[in-house]
Amino acid sequence: MIDIIFSMGLVGVGLSMLGMGLLIAYYGSSKTRNVGIVFLLLGVIITYYLVEMPSNHPIDTIDVAFWNGMLAFVGGMVGGIIRIIVFLVAIIKS
């Protein structure tokens, strides 16, 4: 159970860092653009860590239930992001 909680937390942080990093690096001014690049690099490092977990790590990434949980979590996060974008577009257009 702790392995799913730990991995879902890392996926959430990694996706947040990637998203914030992309937005800040693209839309930010010169000082904040550097922070966006740091966020983007942190997101890439966390994502790489999740994909290439060491074999002696206590989390069993070969388990099918683990990957089903991760797929459901990532799908929920992506769906939530899409819903927020649609909501913001609807508010801006009206």
PDB file of N, CA and C in Angstrom:
ATOM      1  N   MET A   1       0.816  -1.192   0.000  1.00  0.00           N
ATOM      2  CA  MET A   1       0.000   0.000   0.000  1.00  0.00           C
ATOM      3  C   MET A   1       0.859   1.255   0.000  1.00  0.00           C
ATOM      4  N   ILE A   2       1.933   1.229   0.780  1.00  0.00           N
ATOM      5  CA  ILE A   2       2.802   2.401   0.848  1.00  0.00           C
ATOM      6  C   ILE A   2       3.475   2.663  -0.489  1.00  0.00           C
ATOM      7  N   ASP A   3       3.707   1.598  -1.271  1.00  0.00           N
ATOM      8  CA  ASP A   3       4.359   1.803  -2.564  1.00  0.00           C
ATOM      9  C   ASP A   3       3.454   2.568  -3.518  1.00  0.00           C
ATOM     10  N   ILE A   4       2.157   2.303  -3.498  1.00  0.00           N
ATOM     11  CA  ILE A   4       1.238   3.031  -4.372  1.00  0.00           C
ATOM     12  C   ILE A   4       1.109   4.477  -3.912  1.00  0.00           C
ATOM     13  N   ILE A   5       1.040   4.701  -2.612  1.00  0.00           N
ATOM     14  CA  ILE A   5       0.939   6.067  -2.093  1.00  0.00           C
ATOM     15  C   ILE A   5       2.190   6.863  -2.447  1.00  0.00           C
ATOM     16  N   PHE A   6       3.347   6.267  -2.262  1.00  0.00           N
ATOM     17  CA  PHE A   6       4.612   6.940  -2.564  1.00  0.00           C
ATOM     18  C   PHE A   6       4.724   7.252  -4.055  1.00  0.00           C
ATOM     19  N   SER A   7       4.394   6.283  -4.887  1.00  0.00           N
ATOM     20  CA  SER A   7       4.536   6.498  -6.323  1.00  0.00           C
ATOM     21  C   SER A   7       3.511   7.496  -6.844  1.00  0.00           C
ATOM     22  N   MET A   8       2.288   7.461  -6.319  1.00  0.00           N
ATOM     23  CA  MET A   8       1.290   8.435  -6.760  1.00  0.00           C
ATOM     24  C   MET A   8       1.679   9.848  -6.341  1.00  0.00           C
ATOM     25  N   GLY A   9       2.266   9.978  -5.177  1.00  0.00           N
ATOM     26  CA  GLY A   9       2.756  11.289  -4.761  1.00  0.00           C
ATOM     27  C   GLY A   9       3.851  11.794  -5.679  1.00  0.00           C
ATOM     28  N   LEU A  10       4.769  10.908  -6.048  1.00  0.00           N
ATOM     29  CA  LEU A  10       5.834  11.321  -6.962  1.00  0.00           C
ATOM     30  C   LEU A  10       5.295  11.658  -8.353  1.00  0.00           C
ATOM     31  N   VAL A  11       4.303  10.903  -8.812  1.00  0.00           N
ATOM     32  CA  VAL A  11       3.709  11.215 -10.121  1.00  0.00           C
ATOM     33  C   VAL A  11       3.023  12.571 -10.074  1.00  0.00           C
ATOM     34  N   GLY A  12       2.301  12.848  -9.004  1.00  0.00           N
ATOM     35  CA  GLY A  12       1.643  14.147  -8.869  1.00  0.00           C
ATOM     36  C   GLY A  12       2.628  15.300  -8.849  1.00  0.00           C
ATOM     37  N   VAL A  13       3.687  15.143  -8.090  1.00  0.00           N
ATOM     38  CA  VAL A  13       4.713  16.193  -8.028  1.00  0.00           C
ATOM     39  C   VAL A  13       5.415  16.328  -9.375  1.00  0.00           C
ATOM     40  N   GLY A  14       5.722  15.205 -10.009  1.00  0.00           N
ATOM     41  CA  GLY A  14       6.401  15.251 -11.308  1.00  0.00           C
ATOM     42  C   GLY A  14       5.557  15.922 -12.379  1.00  0.00           C
ATOM     43  N   LEU A  15       4.274  15.563 -12.471  1.00  0.00           N
ATOM     44  CA  LEU A  15       3.403  16.201 -13.455  1.00  0.00           C
ATOM     45  C   LEU A  15       3.216  17.687 -13.165  1.00  0.00           C
ATOM     46  N   SER A  16       3.097  18.039 -11.892  1.00  0.00           N
ATOM     47  CA  SER A  16       2.963  19.450 -11.533  1.00  0.00           C
ATOM     48  C   SER A  16       4.212  20.234 -11.915  1.00  0.00           C
ATOM     49  N   MET A  17       5.365  19.670 -11.633  1.00  0.00           N
ATOM     50  CA  MET A  17       6.619  20.345 -11.981  1.00  0.00           C
ATOM     51  C   MET A  17       6.771  20.501 -13.490  1.00  0.00           C
ATOM     52  N   LEU A  18       6.415  19.457 -14.238  1.00  0.00           N
ATOM     53  CA  LEU A  18       6.499  19.557 -15.692  1.00  0.00           C
ATOM     54  C   LEU A  18       5.548  20.627 -16.226  1.00  0.00           C
ATOM     55  N   GLY A  19       4.326  20.623 -15.749  1.00  0.00           N
ATOM     56  CA  GLY A  19       3.343  21.597 -16.221  1.00  0.00           C
ATOM     57  C   GLY A  19       3.717  23.017 -15.842  1.00  0.00           C
ATOM     58  N   MET A  20       4.062  23.227 -14.565  1.00  0.00           N
ATOM     59  CA  MET A  20       4.453  24.570 -14.135  1.00  0.00           C
ATOM     60  C   MET A  20       5.718  25.027 -14.845  1.00  0.00           C
ATOM     61  N   GLY A  21       6.656  24.124 -15.002  1.00  0.00           N
ATOM     62  CA  GLY A  21       7.904  24.482 -15.670  1.00  0.00           C
ATOM     63  C   GLY A  21       7.686  24.913 -17.107  1.00  0.00           C
ATOM     64  N   LEU A  22       6.826  24.170 -17.820  1.00  0.00           N
ATOM     65  CA  LEU A  22       6.541  24.549 -19.206  1.00  0.00           C
ATOM     66  C   LEU A  22       5.859  25.912 -19.281  1.00  0.00           C
ATOM     67  N   LEU A  23       4.861  26.137 -18.436  1.00  0.00           N
ATOM     68  CA  LEU A  23       4.152  27.411 -18.470  1.00  0.00           C
ATOM     69  C   LEU A  23       5.039  28.578 -18.062  1.00  0.00           C
ATOM     70  N   ILE A  24       5.797  28.416 -16.994  1.00  0.00           N
ATOM     71  CA  ILE A  24       6.643  29.507 -16.518  1.00  0.00           C
ATOM     72  C   ILE A  24       7.791  29.768 -17.482  1.00  0.00           C
ATOM     73  N   ALA A  25       8.379  28.716 -18.044  1.00  0.00           N
ATOM     74  CA  ALA A  25       9.484  28.910 -18.986  1.00  0.00           C
ATOM     75  C   ALA A  25       9.008  29.590 -20.267  1.00  0.00           C
ATOM     76  N   TYR A  26       7.762  29.354 -20.656  1.00  0.00           N
ATOM     77  CA  TYR A  26       7.262  29.948 -21.897  1.00  0.00           C
ATOM     78  C   TYR A  26       6.744  31.367 -21.684  1.00  0.00           C
ATOM     79  N   TYR A  27       5.960  31.576 -20.622  1.00  0.00           N
ATOM     80  CA  TYR A  27       5.308  32.869 -20.428  1.00  0.00           C
ATOM     81  C   TYR A  27       6.047  33.791 -19.465  1.00  0.00           C
ATOM     82  N   GLY A  28       7.040  33.319 -18.753  1.00  0.00           N
ATOM     83  CA  GLY A  28       7.688  34.121 -17.731  1.00  0.00           C
ATOM     84  C   GLY A  28       8.647  35.155 -18.293  1.00  0.00           C
ATOM     85  N   SER A  29       8.982  36.106 -17.419  1.00  0.00           N
ATOM     86  CA  SER A  29      10.003  37.087 -17.787  1.00  0.00           C
ATOM     87  C   SER A  29      11.377  36.436 -17.612  1.00  0.00           C
ATOM     88  N   SER A  30      12.416  37.218 -17.734  1.00  0.00           N
ATOM     89  CA  SER A  30      13.766  36.633 -17.743  1.00  0.00           C
ATOM     90  C   SER A  30      14.104  35.944 -16.419  1.00  0.00           C
ATOM     91  N   LYS A  31      13.760  36.552 -15.276  1.00  0.00           N
ATOM     92  CA  LYS A  31      14.086  35.934 -13.992  1.00  0.00           C
ATOM     93  C   LYS A  31      13.213  34.710 -13.738  1.00  0.00           C
ATOM     94  N   THR A  32      11.926  34.835 -13.986  1.00  0.00           N
ATOM     95  CA  THR A  32      11.040  33.705 -13.706  1.00  0.00           C
ATOM     96  C   THR A  32      11.205  32.597 -14.737  1.00  0.00           C
ATOM     97  N   ARG A  33      11.700  32.927 -15.908  1.00  0.00           N
ATOM     98  CA  ARG A  33      11.950  31.896 -16.923  1.00  0.00           C
ATOM     99  C   ARG A  33      12.999  30.905 -16.424  1.00  0.00           C
ATOM    100  N   ASN A  34      13.987  31.391 -15.715  1.00  0.00           N
ATOM    101  CA  ASN A  34      15.016  30.493 -15.151  1.00  0.00           C
ATOM    102  C   ASN A  34      14.415  29.558 -14.108  1.00  0.00           C
ATOM    103  N   VAL A  35      13.491  30.065 -13.303  1.00  0.00           N
ATOM    104  CA  VAL A  35      12.812  29.221 -12.317  1.00  0.00           C
ATOM    105  C   VAL A  35      11.975  28.170 -13.035  1.00  0.00           C
ATOM    106  N   GLY A  36      11.323  28.547 -14.130  1.00  0.00           N
ATOM    107  CA  GLY A  36      10.543  27.601 -14.918  1.00  0.00           C
ATOM    108  C   GLY A  36      11.405  26.479 -15.476  1.00  0.00           C
ATOM    109  N   ILE A  37      12.598  26.820 -15.902  1.00  0.00           N
ATOM    110  CA  ILE A  37      13.512  25.801 -16.418  1.00  0.00           C
ATOM    111  C   ILE A  37      13.943  24.858 -15.299  1.00  0.00           C
ATOM    112  N   VAL A  38      14.163  25.396 -14.103  1.00  0.00           N
ATOM    113  CA  VAL A  38      14.514  24.544 -12.954  1.00  0.00           C
ATOM    114  C   VAL A  38      13.352  23.609 -12.623  1.00  0.00           C
ATOM    115  N   PHE A  39      12.118  24.132 -12.614  1.00  0.00           N
ATOM    116  CA  PHE A  39      10.938  23.284 -12.372  1.00  0.00           C
ATOM    117  C   PHE A  39      10.835  22.198 -13.432  1.00  0.00           C
ATOM    118  N   LEU A  40      11.068  22.558 -14.670  1.00  0.00           N
ATOM    119  CA  LEU A  40      10.997  21.591 -15.761  1.00  0.00           C
ATOM    120  C   LEU A  40      12.044  20.494 -15.583  1.00  0.00           C
ATOM    121  N   LEU A  41      13.251  20.866 -15.210  1.00  0.00           N
ATOM    122  CA  LEU A  41      14.297  19.875 -14.979  1.00  0.00           C
ATOM    123  C   LEU A  41      13.963  18.978 -13.787  1.00  0.00           C
ATOM    124  N   LEU A  42      13.403  19.551 -12.727  1.00  0.00           N
ATOM    125  CA  LEU A  42      12.995  18.729 -11.581  1.00  0.00           C
ATOM    126  C   LEU A  42      11.906  17.736 -11.981  1.00  0.00           C
ATOM    127  N   GLY A  43      10.964  18.167 -12.794  1.00  0.00           N
ATOM    128  CA  GLY A  43       9.925  17.265 -13.280  1.00  0.00           C
ATOM    129  C   GLY A  43      10.495  16.135 -14.109  1.00  0.00           C
ATOM    130  N   VAL A  44      11.466  16.442 -14.955  1.00  0.00           N
ATOM    131  CA  VAL A  44      12.100  15.406 -15.774  1.00  0.00           C
ATOM    132  C   VAL A  44      12.867  14.424 -14.896  1.00  0.00           C
ATOM    133  N   ILE A  45      13.565  14.926 -13.885  1.00  0.00           N
ATOM    134  CA  ILE A  45      14.333  14.060 -12.990  1.00  0.00           C
ATOM    135  C   ILE A  45      13.401  13.144 -12.204  1.00  0.00           C
ATOM    136  N   ILE A  46      12.299  13.681 -11.687  1.00  0.00           N
ATOM    137  CA  ILE A  46      11.347  12.862 -10.931  1.00  0.00           C
ATOM    138  C   ILE A  46      10.721  11.811 -11.833  1.00  0.00           C
ATOM    139  N   THR A  47      10.355  12.206 -13.054  1.00  0.00           N
ATOM    140  CA  THR A  47       9.764  11.252 -14.001  1.00  0.00           C
ATOM    141  C   THR A  47      10.765  10.168 -14.358  1.00  0.00           C
ATOM    142  N   TYR A  48      12.009  10.533 -14.585  1.00  0.00           N
ATOM    143  CA  TYR A  48      13.040   9.541 -14.883  1.00  0.00           C
ATOM    144  C   TYR A  48      13.221   8.584 -13.708  1.00  0.00           C
ATOM    145  N   TYR A  49      13.196   9.119 -12.491  1.00  0.00           N
ATOM    146  CA  TYR A  49      13.333   8.273 -11.305  1.00  0.00           C
ATOM    147  C   TYR A  49      12.197   7.266 -11.227  1.00  0.00           C
ATOM    148  N   LEU A  50      10.980   7.714 -11.535  1.00  0.00           N
ATOM    149  CA  LEU A  50       9.836   6.799 -11.481  1.00  0.00           C
ATOM    150  C   LEU A  50       9.923   5.709 -12.536  1.00  0.00           C
ATOM    151  N   VAL A  51      10.361   6.071 -13.728  1.00  0.00           N
ATOM    152  CA  VAL A  51      10.423   5.096 -14.814  1.00  0.00           C
ATOM    153  C   VAL A  51      11.582   4.127 -14.609  1.00  0.00           C
ATOM    154  N   GLU A  52      12.701   4.616 -14.153  1.00  0.00           N
ATOM    155  CA  GLU A  52      13.909   3.803 -13.990  1.00  0.00           C
ATOM    156  C   GLU A  52      14.216   3.558 -12.526  1.00  0.00           C
ATOM    157  N   MET A  53      13.222   3.118 -11.754  1.00  0.00           N
ATOM    158  CA  MET A  53      13.454   2.854 -10.330  1.00  0.00           C
ATOM    159  C   MET A  53      14.491   1.747 -10.165  1.00  0.00           C
ATOM    160  N   PRO A  54      15.370   1.895  -9.202  1.00  0.00           N
ATOM    161  CA  PRO A  54      16.373   0.846  -8.977  1.00  0.00           C
ATOM    162  C   PRO A  54      15.720  -0.470  -8.572  1.00  0.00           C
ATOM    163  N   SER A  55      16.367  -1.551  -8.900  1.00  0.00           N
ATOM    164  CA  SER A  55      15.795  -2.861  -8.610  1.00  0.00           C
ATOM    165  C   SER A  55      15.772  -3.169  -7.120  1.00  0.00           C
ATOM    166  N   ASN A  56      16.615  -2.522  -6.328  1.00  0.00           N
ATOM    167  CA  ASN A  56      16.616  -2.776  -4.890  1.00  0.00           C
ATOM    168  C   ASN A  56      15.672  -1.839  -4.144  1.00  0.00           C
ATOM    169  N   HIS A  57      14.864  -1.082  -4.881  1.00  0.00           N
ATOM    170  CA  HIS A  57      13.909  -0.170  -4.284  1.00  0.00           C
ATOM    171  C   HIS A  57      12.762  -0.968  -3.679  1.00  0.00           C
ATOM    172  N   PRO A  58      12.202  -0.534  -2.556  1.00  0.00           N
ATOM    173  CA  PRO A  58      11.140  -1.319  -1.914  1.00  0.00           C
ATOM    174  C   PRO A  58       9.828  -1.361  -2.696  1.00  0.00           C
ATOM    175  N   ILE A  59       9.671  -0.537  -3.708  1.00  0.00           N
ATOM    176  CA  ILE A  59       8.437  -0.524  -4.486  1.00  0.00           C
ATOM    177  C   ILE A  59       8.537  -1.566  -5.588  1.00  0.00           C
ATOM    178  N   ASP A  60       7.550  -2.449  -5.659  1.00  0.00           N
ATOM    179  CA  ASP A  60       7.527  -3.490  -6.684  1.00  0.00           C
ATOM    180  C   ASP A  60       6.826  -2.940  -7.923  1.00  0.00           C
ATOM    181  N   THR A  61       7.601  -2.495  -8.910  1.00  0.00           N
ATOM    182  CA  THR A  61       7.009  -1.879 -10.100  1.00  0.00           C
ATOM    183  C   THR A  61       6.600  -2.903 -11.147  1.00  0.00           C
ATOM    184  N   ILE A  62       6.878  -4.176 -10.933  1.00  0.00           N
ATOM    185  CA  ILE A  62       6.502  -5.206 -11.891  1.00  0.00           C
ATOM    186  C   ILE A  62       5.049  -5.639 -11.664  1.00  0.00           C
ATOM    187  N   ASP A  63       4.513  -5.352 -10.490  1.00  0.00           N
ATOM    188  CA  ASP A  63       3.163  -5.771 -10.143  1.00  0.00           C
ATOM    189  C   ASP A  63       2.127  -5.095 -11.045  1.00  0.00           C
ATOM    190  N   VAL A  64       1.174  -5.874 -11.536  1.00  0.00           N
ATOM    191  CA  VAL A  64       0.136  -5.354 -12.434  1.00  0.00           C
ATOM    192  C   VAL A  64      -0.769  -4.370 -11.700  1.00  0.00           C
ATOM    193  N   ALA A  65      -1.064  -4.633 -10.436  1.00  0.00           N
ATOM    194  CA  ALA A  65      -1.915  -3.727  -9.662  1.00  0.00           C
ATOM    195  C   ALA A  65      -1.258  -2.356  -9.515  1.00  0.00           C
ATOM    196  N   PHE A  66       0.067  -2.345  -9.401  1.00  0.00           N
ATOM    197  CA  PHE A  66       0.784  -1.069  -9.316  1.00  0.00           C
ATOM    198  C   PHE A  66       0.569  -0.251 -10.572  1.00  0.00           C
ATOM    199  N   TRP A  67       0.744  -0.856 -11.741  1.00  0.00           N
ATOM    200  CA  TRP A  67       0.600  -0.109 -12.990  1.00  0.00           C
ATOM    201  C   TRP A  67      -0.843   0.259 -13.274  1.00  0.00           C
ATOM    202  N   ASN A  68      -1.810  -0.578 -12.854  1.00  0.00           N
ATOM    203  CA  ASN A  68      -3.215  -0.203 -12.996  1.00  0.00           C
ATOM    204  C   ASN A  68      -3.548   1.013 -12.138  1.00  0.00           C
ATOM    205  N   GLY A  69      -3.014   1.034 -10.933  1.00  0.00           N
ATOM    206  CA  GLY A  69      -3.214   2.192 -10.065  1.00  0.00           C
ATOM    207  C   GLY A  69      -2.569   3.444 -10.629  1.00  0.00           C
ATOM    208  N   MET A  70      -1.361   3.290 -11.167  1.00  0.00           N
ATOM    209  CA  MET A  70      -0.676   4.447 -11.747  1.00  0.00           C
ATOM    210  C   MET A  70      -1.425   4.972 -12.975  1.00  0.00           C
ATOM    211  N   LEU A  71      -1.917   4.065 -13.805  1.00  0.00           N
ATOM    212  CA  LEU A  71      -2.669   4.473 -14.985  1.00  0.00           C
ATOM    213  C   LEU A  71      -3.945   5.207 -14.590  1.00  0.00           C
ATOM    214  N   ALA A  72      -4.639   4.720 -13.592  1.00  0.00           N
ATOM    215  CA  ALA A  72      -5.856   5.384 -13.123  1.00  0.00           C
ATOM    216  C   ALA A  72      -5.540   6.756 -12.546  1.00  0.00           C
ATOM    217  N   PHE A  73      -4.444   6.861 -11.799  1.00  0.00           N
ATOM    218  CA  PHE A  73      -4.075   8.138 -11.195  1.00  0.00           C
ATOM    219  C   PHE A  73      -3.689   9.171 -12.253  1.00  0.00           C
ATOM    220  N   VAL A  74      -2.854   8.771 -13.189  1.00  0.00           N
ATOM    221  CA  VAL A  74      -2.434   9.698 -14.250  1.00  0.00           C
ATOM    222  C   VAL A  74      -3.635  10.086 -15.119  1.00  0.00           C
ATOM    223  N   GLY A  75      -4.510   9.120 -15.408  1.00  0.00           N
ATOM    224  CA  GLY A  75      -5.713   9.434 -16.176  1.00  0.00           C
ATOM    225  C   GLY A  75      -6.609  10.426 -15.454  1.00  0.00           C
ATOM    226  N   GLY A  76      -6.749  10.260 -14.154  1.00  0.00           N
ATOM    227  CA  GLY A  76      -7.537  11.211 -13.371  1.00  0.00           C
ATOM    228  C   GLY A  76      -6.923  12.596 -13.351  1.00  0.00           C
ATOM    229  N   MET A  77      -5.606  12.665 -13.224  1.00  0.00           N
ATOM    230  CA  MET A  77      -4.951  13.980 -13.217  1.00  0.00           C
ATOM    231  C   MET A  77      -5.061  14.666 -14.571  1.00  0.00           C
ATOM    232  N   VAL A  78      -4.849  13.921 -15.647  1.00  0.00           N
ATOM    233  CA  VAL A  78      -4.948  14.510 -16.985  1.00  0.00           C
ATOM    234  C   VAL A  78      -6.387  14.946 -17.258  1.00  0.00           C
ATOM    235  N   GLY A  79      -7.354  14.129 -16.848  1.00  0.00           N
ATOM    236  CA  GLY A  79      -8.754  14.511 -17.006  1.00  0.00           C
ATOM    237  C   GLY A  79      -9.087  15.768 -16.230  1.00  0.00           C
ATOM    238  N   GLY A  80      -8.564  15.889 -15.014  1.00  0.00           N
ATOM    239  CA  GLY A  80      -8.787  17.095 -14.222  1.00  0.00           C
ATOM    240  C   GLY A  80      -8.170  18.328 -14.866  1.00  0.00           C
ATOM    241  N   ILE A  81      -6.992  18.184 -15.419  1.00  0.00           N
ATOM    242  CA  ILE A  81      -6.343  19.308 -16.096  1.00  0.00           C
ATOM    243  C   ILE A  81      -7.156  19.738 -17.313  1.00  0.00           C
ATOM    244  N   ILE A  82      -7.644  18.775 -18.079  1.00  0.00           N
ATOM    245  CA  ILE A  82      -8.459  19.095 -19.255  1.00  0.00           C
ATOM    246  C   ILE A  82      -9.746  19.798 -18.830  1.00  0.00           C
ATOM    247  N   ARG A  83     -10.372  19.318 -17.750  1.00  0.00           N
ATOM    248  CA  ARG A  83     -11.601  19.963 -17.277  1.00  0.00           C
ATOM    249  C   ARG A  83     -11.336  21.394 -16.839  1.00  0.00           C
ATOM    250  N   ILE A  84     -10.219  21.653 -16.177  1.00  0.00           N
ATOM    251  CA  ILE A  84      -9.895  23.015 -15.760  1.00  0.00           C
ATOM    252  C   ILE A  84      -9.684  23.903 -16.975  1.00  0.00           C
ATOM    253  N   ILE A  85      -8.994  23.403 -17.989  1.00  0.00           N
ATOM    254  CA  ILE A  85      -8.763  24.192 -19.200  1.00  0.00           C
ATOM    255  C   ILE A  85     -10.075  24.507 -19.901  1.00  0.00           C
ATOM    256  N   VAL A  86     -10.968  23.525 -20.022  1.00  0.00           N
ATOM    257  CA  VAL A  86     -12.271  23.754 -20.662  1.00  0.00           C
ATOM    258  C   VAL A  86     -13.074  24.776 -19.857  1.00  0.00           C
ATOM    259  N   PHE A  87     -13.039  24.660 -18.546  1.00  0.00           N
ATOM    260  CA  PHE A  87     -13.748  25.620 -17.692  1.00  0.00           C
ATOM    261  C   PHE A  87     -13.203  27.040 -17.869  1.00  0.00           C
ATOM    262  N   LEU A  88     -11.892  27.176 -17.894  1.00  0.00           N
ATOM    263  CA  LEU A  88     -11.299  28.508 -18.068  1.00  0.00           C
ATOM    264  C   LEU A  88     -11.618  29.081 -19.450  1.00  0.00           C
ATOM    265  N   VAL A  89     -11.594  28.262 -20.464  1.00  0.00           N
ATOM    266  CA  VAL A  89     -11.933  28.745 -21.815  1.00  0.00           C
ATOM    267  C   VAL A  89     -13.395  29.186 -21.843  1.00  0.00           C
ATOM    268  N   ALA A  90     -14.285  28.426 -21.209  1.00  0.00           N
ATOM    269  CA  ALA A  90     -15.707  28.810 -21.179  1.00  0.00           C
ATOM    270  C   ALA A  90     -15.913  30.105 -20.436  1.00  0.00           C
ATOM    271  N   ILE A  91     -15.187  30.316 -19.345  1.00  0.00           N
ATOM    272  CA  ILE A  91     -15.321  31.565 -18.573  1.00  0.00           C
ATOM    273  C   ILE A  91     -14.770  32.734 -19.373  1.00  0.00           C
ATOM    274  N   ILE A  92     -13.641  32.538 -20.035  1.00  0.00           N
ATOM    275  CA  ILE A  92     -13.020  33.625 -20.791  1.00  0.00           C
ATOM    276  C   ILE A  92     -13.880  34.012 -21.986  1.00  0.00           C
ATOM    277  N   LYS A  93     -14.463  33.043 -22.649  1.00  0.00           N
ATOM    278  CA  LYS A  93     -15.280  33.318 -23.854  1.00  0.00           C
ATOM    279  C   LYS A  93     -16.613  33.979 -23.505  1.00  0.00           C
ATOM    280  N   SER A  94     -17.135  33.767 -22.289  1.00  0.00           N
ATOM    281  CA  SER A  94     -18.458  34.327 -21.980  1.00  0.00           C
ATOM    282  C   SER A  94     -18.385  35.727 -21.440  1.00  0.00           C
TER     283      SER A  94
END
